[in-house]
Protein backbone atom coordinates (compact mmCIF):
# COMPACT_ATOMS: atom_id res chain seq x y z
CA UNK A 1 -15.35 -47.25 -15.61
CA UNK A 2 -13.90 -43.97 -14.82
CA UNK A 3 -15.78 -40.92 -16.26
CA UNK A 4 -13.92 -37.68 -17.79
CA UNK A 5 -15.56 -34.80 -15.85
CA UNK A 6 -13.41 -31.85 -17.70
CA UNK A 7 -11.00 -31.55 -20.69
CA UNK A 8 -9.11 -28.64 -21.60
CA UNK A 9 -6.29 -28.05 -24.21
CA UNK A 10 -3.58 -26.30 -22.51
CA UNK A 11 -1.54 -25.84 -25.86
CA UNK A 12 -1.55 -27.42 -29.20
CA UNK A 13 0.08 -30.59 -27.91
CA UNK A 14 -0.90 -30.91 -24.26
CA UNK A 15 -4.28 -31.64 -22.86
CA UNK A 16 -5.73 -31.54 -19.25
CA UNK A 17 -8.20 -33.96 -17.90
CA UNK A 18 -10.06 -34.46 -14.76
CA UNK A 19 -11.14 -38.14 -14.17
CA UNK A 20 -13.77 -39.27 -11.86
CA UNK A 21 -11.84 -41.82 -9.43
CA UNK A 22 -12.73 -41.22 -5.87
CA UNK A 23 -10.47 -44.00 -4.34
CA UNK A 24 -7.48 -42.78 -6.25
CA UNK A 25 -8.10 -39.30 -5.21
CA UNK A 26 -8.62 -40.32 -1.51
CA UNK A 27 -5.01 -41.31 -1.21
CA UNK A 28 -3.05 -39.70 -4.06
CA UNK A 29 0.02 -37.51 -3.12
CA UNK A 30 2.24 -35.22 -5.21
CA UNK A 31 4.89 -37.16 -7.03
CA UNK A 32 2.58 -40.20 -7.72
CA UNK A 33 1.27 -41.77 -10.87
CA UNK A 34 -1.63 -43.83 -12.17
CA UNK A 35 -1.77 -46.50 -14.89
CA UNK A 36 -4.66 -46.34 -17.18
CA UNK A 37 -6.14 -47.83 -20.40
CA UNK A 38 -8.29 -45.75 -23.18
CA UNK A 39 -10.03 -48.95 -24.10
CA UNK A 40 -10.27 -52.80 -23.18
CA UNK A 41 -7.78 -53.63 -25.64
CA UNK A 42 -5.26 -50.98 -25.40
CA UNK A 43 -1.97 -50.72 -23.82
CA UNK A 44 -1.46 -49.65 -20.23
CA UNK A 45 0.43 -46.13 -19.87
CA UNK A 46 1.84 -44.38 -16.53
CA UNK A 47 0.69 -40.75 -16.12
CA UNK A 48 1.54 -38.68 -13.17
CA UNK A 49 -0.92 -37.23 -10.93
CA UNK A 50 -0.94 -33.82 -11.93
CA UNK A 51 -3.49 -32.72 -8.99
CA UNK A 52 -6.66 -34.35 -7.12
CA UNK A 53 -9.66 -33.01 -5.55
CA UNK A 54 -10.52 -35.50 -2.43
CA UNK A 55 -14.15 -33.89 -1.89
CA UNK A 56 -15.11 -34.22 -5.43
CA UNK A 57 -13.27 -37.54 -6.10
CA UNK A 58 -11.48 -36.53 -9.07
CA UNK A 59 -7.79 -36.73 -10.41
CA UNK A 60 -6.17 -34.19 -12.87
CA UNK A 61 -3.92 -35.72 -15.57
CA UNK A 62 -1.87 -33.63 -17.89
CA UNK A 63 -0.49 -35.38 -20.88
CA UNK A 64 1.50 -34.56 -24.15
CA UNK A 65 -0.11 -35.97 -27.52
CA UNK A 66 2.98 -38.02 -28.64
CA UNK A 67 1.96 -41.63 -29.48
CA UNK A 68 -0.92 -43.81 -30.30
CA UNK A 69 -2.26 -44.19 -26.82
CA UNK A 70 -2.31 -40.37 -25.87
CA UNK A 71 -3.77 -39.69 -29.25
CA UNK A 72 -6.45 -41.94 -28.53
CA UNK A 73 -7.06 -40.49 -25.00
CA UNK A 74 -7.19 -36.88 -26.48
CA UNK A 75 -10.26 -38.02 -28.63
CA UNK A 76 -11.92 -38.82 -25.58
CA UNK A 77 -14.34 -35.94 -24.29
CA UNK A 78 -16.22 -34.92 -21.14
CA UNK A 79 -18.75 -37.62 -20.38
CA UNK A 80 -16.96 -40.37 -22.07
CA UNK A 81 -15.09 -43.15 -19.85
CA UNK A 82 -11.68 -45.05 -19.73
CA UNK A 83 -11.83 -48.72 -18.44
CA UNK A 84 -9.00 -48.68 -16.03
CA UNK A 85 -7.47 -45.81 -14.00
CA UNK A 86 -5.29 -47.59 -11.33
CA UNK A 87 -3.27 -45.91 -8.66
CA UNK A 88 -1.77 -44.12 -7.01
CA UNK A 89 1.75 -45.85 -7.41
CA UNK A 90 5.01 -44.82 -6.87
CA UNK A 91 6.51 -43.19 -3.85
CA UNK A 92 5.25 -39.52 -3.11
CA UNK A 93 7.70 -36.62 -3.24
CA UNK A 94 8.87 -36.04 0.46
CA UNK A 95 8.35 -32.53 1.17
CA UNK A 96 7.80 -32.60 5.04
CA UNK A 97 10.09 -30.13 6.93
CA UNK A 98 11.24 -28.15 4.00
CA UNK A 99 11.47 -24.38 4.51
CA UNK A 100 12.62 -23.23 1.31
CA UNK A 101 12.62 -24.76 -2.11
CA UNK A 102 13.24 -24.15 -5.69
CA UNK A 103 11.16 -26.10 -8.01
CA UNK A 104 12.38 -26.32 -11.60
CA UNK A 105 10.01 -27.51 -14.37
CA UNK A 106 10.47 -28.01 -18.01
CA UNK A 107 7.69 -28.53 -20.60
CA UNK A 108 5.19 -30.97 -19.81
CA UNK A 109 7.17 -32.01 -16.79
CA UNK A 110 5.75 -28.72 -15.34
CA UNK A 111 2.52 -30.77 -14.92
CA UNK A 112 4.45 -33.14 -12.50
CA UNK A 113 5.86 -30.06 -10.79
CA UNK A 114 2.93 -28.09 -10.22
CA UNK A 115 1.25 -30.14 -7.29
CA UNK A 116 4.55 -30.49 -5.48
CA UNK A 117 4.85 -26.63 -5.58
CA UNK A 118 1.22 -26.32 -4.26
CA UNK A 119 1.94 -28.84 -1.58
CA UNK A 120 4.97 -27.15 -0.50
CA UNK A 121 2.95 -23.78 -0.52
CA UNK A 122 0.38 -25.15 1.51
CA UNK A 123 2.93 -26.39 4.08
CA UNK A 124 4.16 -22.82 4.43
CA UNK A 125 7.34 -23.33 2.50
CA UNK A 126 8.78 -20.50 0.68
CA UNK A 127 8.67 -21.62 -2.86
CA UNK A 128 10.80 -20.16 -5.75
CA UNK A 129 9.87 -21.67 -9.23
CA UNK A 130 11.45 -21.71 -12.56
CA UNK A 131 9.52 -23.16 -15.56
CA UNK A 132 10.87 -23.43 -19.09
CA UNK A 133 9.41 -23.88 -22.76
CA UNK A 134 10.65 -23.77 -26.12
CA UNK A 135 8.14 -20.95 -26.92
CA UNK A 136 5.36 -18.96 -25.86
CA UNK A 137 2.62 -21.24 -27.84
CA UNK A 138 3.88 -24.32 -25.58
CA UNK A 139 3.70 -22.29 -22.17
CA UNK A 140 1.42 -24.02 -19.56
CA UNK A 141 0.32 -23.47 -16.15
CA UNK A 142 1.99 -20.09 -15.59
CA UNK A 143 -0.98 -18.53 -13.47
CA UNK A 144 -1.11 -21.79 -11.52
CA UNK A 145 2.74 -21.56 -10.54
CA UNK A 146 2.19 -17.75 -9.80
CA UNK A 147 -0.08 -18.45 -7.21
CA UNK A 148 1.83 -20.67 -5.16
CA UNK A 149 5.31 -19.32 -5.79
CA UNK A 150 7.08 -16.76 -3.82
CA UNK A 151 9.49 -15.90 -6.73
CA UNK A 152 8.72 -17.06 -10.38
CA UNK A 153 10.62 -17.08 -13.47
CA UNK A 154 9.48 -17.96 -16.80
CA UNK A 155 12.00 -18.98 -19.55
CA UNK A 156 11.53 -19.48 -23.28
CA UNK A 157 14.29 -20.50 -25.75
CA UNK A 158 13.10 -17.98 -28.17
CA UNK A 159 12.27 -15.15 -25.72
CA UNK A 160 8.42 -14.92 -27.10
CA UNK A 161 7.57 -15.29 -23.24
CA UNK A 162 9.28 -14.31 -19.78
CA UNK A 163 12.92 -14.28 -20.46
CA UNK A 164 14.94 -15.86 -23.02
CA UNK A 165 17.20 -18.73 -22.06
CA UNK A 166 17.22 -22.12 -20.26
CA UNK A 167 15.99 -22.80 -16.85
CA UNK A 168 19.48 -23.13 -15.43
CA UNK A 169 20.21 -19.30 -15.98
CA UNK A 170 17.93 -17.80 -13.03
CA UNK A 171 18.54 -20.93 -10.99
CA UNK A 172 22.57 -20.17 -11.15
CA UNK A 173 21.89 -16.56 -10.69
CA UNK A 174 19.91 -17.05 -7.58
CA UNK A 175 22.25 -19.65 -6.26
CA UNK A 176 25.25 -17.17 -6.74
CA UNK A 177 23.19 -14.46 -5.19
CA UNK A 178 23.23 -16.38 -1.79
CA UNK A 179 19.77 -18.05 -2.13
CA UNK A 180 19.91 -20.81 0.54
CA UNK A 181 17.50 -23.80 -0.44
CA UNK A 182 16.88 -26.66 1.39
CA UNK A 183 16.28 -28.77 -1.81
CA UNK A 184 16.06 -28.18 -5.42
CA UNK A 185 13.20 -30.39 -7.13
CA UNK A 186 13.47 -30.62 -10.86
CA UNK A 187 11.16 -32.52 -13.21
CA UNK A 188 11.48 -32.19 -17.16
CA UNK A 189 13.44 -33.65 -19.88
CA UNK A 190 16.42 -35.75 -18.99
CA UNK A 191 19.02 -33.41 -20.35
CA UNK A 192 17.52 -30.16 -18.55
CA UNK A 193 17.48 -32.19 -15.24
CA UNK A 194 21.02 -33.18 -16.06
CA UNK A 195 22.11 -29.58 -16.29
CA UNK A 196 20.00 -28.48 -13.08
CA UNK A 197 21.90 -31.01 -11.16
CA UNK A 198 25.31 -29.76 -12.61
CA UNK A 199 24.17 -26.00 -11.73
CA UNK A 200 23.34 -27.08 -8.08
CA UNK A 201 26.48 -29.12 -7.26
CA UNK A 202 29.06 -26.49 -6.80
CA UNK A 203 26.53 -25.26 -4.23
CA UNK A 204 25.83 -28.43 -2.71
CA UNK A 205 22.47 -28.03 -2.53
CA UNK A 206 20.45 -31.45 -2.33
CA UNK A 207 18.59 -31.86 -5.65
CA UNK A 208 15.76 -34.23 -6.36
CA UNK A 209 15.05 -35.41 -9.90
CA UNK A 210 11.81 -37.37 -11.11
CA UNK A 211 12.77 -40.06 -13.66
CA UNK A 212 9.01 -40.19 -14.73
CA UNK A 213 10.14 -39.38 -18.28
CA UNK A 214 11.55 -42.87 -18.83
CA UNK A 215 8.70 -44.80 -17.50
CA UNK A 216 6.80 -47.21 -19.87
CA UNK A 217 4.90 -50.16 -17.95
CA UNK A 218 4.86 -48.59 -14.66
CA UNK A 219 5.19 -52.04 -12.64
CA UNK A 220 8.83 -52.82 -13.00
CA UNK A 221 8.23 -55.73 -15.55
CA UNK A 222 9.39 -54.09 -18.56
CA UNK A 223 12.83 -52.91 -17.76
CA UNK A 224 12.48 -49.97 -19.89
CA UNK A 225 12.84 -47.48 -16.60
CA UNK A 226 15.95 -49.23 -15.39
CA UNK A 227 18.71 -46.76 -14.45
CA UNK A 228 22.03 -46.51 -12.59
CA UNK A 229 21.68 -44.70 -9.15
CA UNK A 230 24.87 -44.41 -7.19
CA UNK A 231 26.13 -47.52 -9.10
CA UNK A 232 23.20 -49.52 -8.25
CA UNK A 233 20.40 -50.61 -10.51
CA UNK A 234 17.01 -49.11 -9.86
CA UNK A 235 13.63 -48.93 -11.52
CA UNK A 236 12.12 -45.52 -11.54
CA UNK A 237 8.54 -46.89 -11.44
CA UNK A 238 9.10 -48.97 -8.24
CA UNK A 239 12.04 -47.45 -6.64
CA UNK A 240 11.05 -43.74 -7.56
CA UNK A 241 10.10 -41.71 -9.56
CA UNK A 242 12.18 -39.29 -7.42
CA UNK A 243 15.92 -39.86 -6.97
CA UNK A 244 18.97 -38.08 -5.72
CA UNK A 245 19.99 -36.21 -8.77
CA UNK A 246 23.85 -36.35 -8.08
CA UNK A 247 23.34 -40.32 -8.14
CA UNK A 248 21.67 -40.65 -11.61
CA UNK A 249 23.66 -41.88 -14.56
CA UNK A 250 21.91 -39.53 -17.03
CA UNK A 251 24.08 -40.44 -20.19
CA UNK A 252 22.60 -43.97 -19.56
CA UNK A 253 19.07 -42.95 -18.94
CA UNK A 254 19.19 -40.65 -22.15
CA UNK A 255 20.39 -43.58 -24.21
CA UNK A 256 17.81 -45.85 -22.83
CA UNK A 257 14.89 -43.31 -23.25
CA UNK A 258 15.26 -43.39 -27.08
CA UNK A 259 14.96 -47.29 -27.26
CA UNK A 260 11.28 -47.52 -28.40
CA UNK A 261 11.06 -44.04 -30.55
CA UNK A 262 10.96 -45.91 -33.82
CA UNK A 263 8.42 -48.47 -32.73
CA UNK A 264 6.14 -45.69 -30.98
CA UNK A 265 6.45 -43.77 -34.46
CA UNK A 266 5.01 -46.55 -36.30
CA UNK A 267 2.21 -47.39 -33.93
CA UNK A 268 1.30 -43.58 -33.86
CA UNK A 269 0.99 -43.86 -37.65
CA UNK A 270 -0.96 -46.86 -37.56
CA UNK A 271 -3.56 -45.19 -34.92
CA UNK A 272 -3.85 -42.34 -37.26
CA UNK A 273 -4.54 -44.27 -40.20
CA UNK A 274 -7.20 -46.42 -38.28
CA UNK A 275 -8.78 -43.25 -36.97
CA UNK A 276 -8.89 -41.67 -40.73
CA UNK A 277 -10.32 -44.66 -41.99
CA UNK A 278 -13.00 -45.15 -39.38
CA UNK A 279 -14.21 -41.37 -39.99
CA UNK A 280 -14.10 -41.96 -43.85
CA UNK A 281 -16.60 -44.88 -44.07
């Protein structure tokens, strides 16, 4: 069993947890993920490692409450346990040798971007960061990014925090002003990453995208994270989740990502009804 040692709400739909998992913490690296189950009969879901403390033996996860399993996980509290927490899985983000990088995160994808920015900073890399959200109410991890970024732009769709606009606005301005990045690393909604790649392409800056958003099973068996990279079929969970953004067929990936939306809505409603019935007895 894996014990929850800390729980914190980052916004109304996003929760951070620290899980006691010393073997995972000992070898986890930025960009990797774990597979967990909330209970013995539950489904397996992949969640990206959002941080780790090797001395304490804990792993940080940050998740958005969108489906039945994440709703059940969010009902767990400090001191509670979960039966399975396997990892680390996936290939870590390659950061060695980079001297100047722009990290672009969107929404809950910022939870994946943060440990990458932290590791780059630790290695002495100059880090420029853009993070974007729909509104101030959904803003997460601003202070944590500020602590490891030499330059930080906060964007919101409605202008309620930071600057109004999308993440490609400051990125395009910085590139046009002559910022020479060794690499751009972006994590967030597929449509956001598509346009980050489009913004970077005229400048020829290598751009790495995390295809974590389309992962379902996490082992390559379900085929839900199948995507086309440079004309070849790849699986985000076993071949990635990081890929060369210029090689991704984003339109195909976005179409595939909606496959289970109706099923998940039904499962979420069933889970909510079971929880309500159990508490009304």
